[in-house]
Amino acid sequence: MPRNITCVAWLLLAFCVLAARPARADENEVWWASAQAEAKRDDYRLIDDNGLKELVGSGADMVLLDARADYEFVAGHIPGAVNLEFDLGDDLALSPEKRQALDALMGPDKDRMLVIYCRSFR
């Protein structure tokens, strides 16, 4: 009898794993509407994966900035991206060192497009 229970448990586990869909952030996520409202308020625009692929493929003059920690950047990043780590404390103001690093990345053209991405969308 215990062997049958074990087989049933394994079958249920296999079914759950195979039936599960990967989690992915998209327009249907609860936070998306509030993020869009924040972007509108602070005068920036949000794009999804497809929008980013289109933008990168267009050859537009832009800085593609990966705001994750350097070890995450080294582990993998979008080709052509540069890394400048941001943390929650940078939300209110940048340190003079980080401001200087960002200015150096942007170059003299202050109208140049800046595309920032991270892992957690914060």
Protein backbone atom coordinates (compact mmCIF):
# COMPACT_ATOMS: atom_id res chain seq x y z
CA MET A 1 0.00 0.00 0.00
CA PRO A 2 2.69 2.65 0.80
CA ARG A 3 4.30 2.03 -2.59
CA ASN A 4 1.02 2.96 -4.34
CA ILE A 5 0.80 6.17 -2.30
CA THR A 6 4.38 7.05 -3.27
CA CYS A 7 3.62 6.47 -6.95
CA VAL A 8 0.50 8.63 -6.75
CA ALA A 9 2.43 11.39 -4.98
CA TRP A 10 5.13 11.36 -7.67
CA LEU A 11 2.50 11.44 -10.42
CA LEU A 12 0.76 14.41 -8.77
CA LEU A 13 4.06 16.24 -8.39
CA ALA A 14 4.96 15.57 -12.03
CA PHE A 15 1.55 16.83 -13.13
CA CYS A 16 1.93 20.02 -11.10
CA VAL A 17 5.38 20.71 -12.52
CA LEU A 18 4.32 20.04 -16.11
CA ALA A 19 1.07 21.99 -15.83
CA ALA A 20 2.68 25.08 -14.26
CA ARG A 21 3.37 28.02 -16.55
CA PRO A 22 6.40 30.23 -16.01
CA ALA A 23 5.76 33.44 -14.11
CA ARG A 24 6.37 36.55 -16.18
CA ALA A 25 5.78 40.23 -15.59
CA ASP A 26 3.55 41.78 -18.21
CA GLU A 27 0.68 44.21 -18.61
CA ASN A 28 -1.58 41.92 -16.58
CA GLU A 29 0.44 42.23 -13.42
CA VAL A 30 -1.06 44.21 -10.56
CA TRP A 31 1.94 46.54 -10.25
CA TRP A 32 2.00 47.49 -13.95
CA ALA A 33 -0.77 50.12 -13.67
CA SER A 34 0.88 51.84 -10.70
CA ALA A 35 4.27 51.74 -12.45
CA GLN A 36 2.74 53.38 -15.53
CA ALA A 37 1.14 56.07 -13.37
CA GLU A 38 4.49 56.74 -11.68
CA ALA A 39 6.23 56.94 -15.07
CA LYS A 40 3.68 59.43 -16.34
CA ARG A 41 3.99 61.52 -13.17
CA ASP A 42 7.81 61.56 -13.33
CA ASP A 43 7.94 62.01 -17.13
CA TYR A 44 9.52 58.79 -18.32
CA ARG A 45 8.21 55.89 -20.37
CA LEU A 46 8.00 52.16 -19.68
CA ILE A 47 8.59 49.56 -22.37
CA ASP A 48 8.21 45.80 -22.30
CA ASP A 49 10.51 43.10 -23.69
CA ASN A 50 9.22 43.53 -27.23
CA GLY A 51 9.59 47.30 -27.06
CA LEU A 52 13.18 46.92 -25.88
CA LYS A 53 14.00 44.44 -28.66
CA GLU A 54 12.54 46.83 -31.20
CA LEU A 55 14.44 49.80 -29.77
CA VAL A 56 17.77 47.96 -29.65
CA GLY A 57 17.21 46.62 -33.16
CA SER A 58 16.48 50.11 -34.50
CA GLY A 59 20.06 51.23 -33.92
CA ALA A 60 18.88 54.33 -32.04
CA ASP A 61 21.57 56.38 -30.32
CA MET A 62 21.07 55.50 -26.68
CA VAL A 63 22.74 54.41 -23.50
CA LEU A 64 21.49 51.01 -22.38
CA LEU A 65 22.12 51.01 -18.65
CA ASP A 66 21.99 47.88 -16.50
CA ALA A 67 21.32 49.10 -12.95
CA ARG A 68 21.94 45.74 -11.26
CA ALA A 69 24.87 44.81 -9.04
CA ASP A 70 28.12 44.24 -10.89
CA TYR A 71 28.15 40.48 -10.17
CA GLU A 72 24.72 40.17 -11.82
CA PHE A 73 25.93 42.16 -14.81
CA VAL A 74 28.97 39.90 -15.17
CA ALA A 75 26.71 36.82 -14.99
CA GLY A 76 24.76 38.05 -18.02
CA HIS A 77 23.42 41.21 -19.59
CA ILE A 78 21.93 42.61 -22.79
CA PRO A 79 24.65 43.04 -25.42
CA GLY A 80 25.79 46.65 -25.61
CA ALA A 81 24.65 47.48 -22.08
CA VAL A 82 26.86 49.27 -19.59
CA ASN A 83 26.70 48.74 -15.85
CA LEU A 84 26.16 51.34 -13.16
CA GLU A 85 24.72 49.85 -9.99
CA PHE A 86 21.82 51.67 -8.37
CA ASP A 87 20.28 50.87 -5.01
CA LEU A 88 17.20 51.99 -3.11
CA GLY A 89 19.06 54.95 -1.60
CA ASP A 90 19.63 56.35 -5.09
CA ASP A 91 15.89 56.94 -5.45
CA LEU A 92 16.03 60.36 -3.82
CA ALA A 93 19.47 61.66 -4.83
CA LEU A 94 22.66 60.44 -6.42
CA SER A 95 26.01 60.73 -4.71
CA PRO A 96 28.43 63.11 -6.47
CA GLU A 97 30.51 60.09 -7.57
CA LYS A 98 27.53 58.29 -9.09
CA ARG A 99 26.29 61.49 -10.75
CA GLN A 100 29.73 61.96 -12.32
CA ALA A 101 29.77 58.34 -13.53
CA LEU A 102 26.30 58.72 -15.07
CA ASP A 103 27.29 62.01 -16.74
CA ALA A 104 30.36 60.30 -18.21
CA LEU A 105 28.22 57.47 -19.59
CA MET A 106 25.72 59.87 -21.14
CA GLY A 107 28.34 62.03 -22.82
CA PRO A 108 27.86 65.64 -23.91
CA ASP A 109 24.47 65.10 -25.65
CA LYS A 110 21.95 65.78 -22.89
CA ASP A 111 19.07 64.74 -25.20
CA ARG A 112 20.51 61.25 -25.71
CA MET A 113 18.07 58.47 -24.87
CA LEU A 114 18.72 56.59 -21.64
CA VAL A 115 17.21 53.11 -21.27
CA ILE A 116 17.55 51.63 -17.78
CA TYR A 117 16.80 48.06 -16.83
CA CYS A 118 17.16 45.96 -13.72
CA ARG A 119 16.04 42.64 -12.31
CA SER A 120 13.33 43.69 -9.88
CA PHE A 121 11.82 46.76 -11.57
CA ARG A 122 12.48 48.94 -8.52
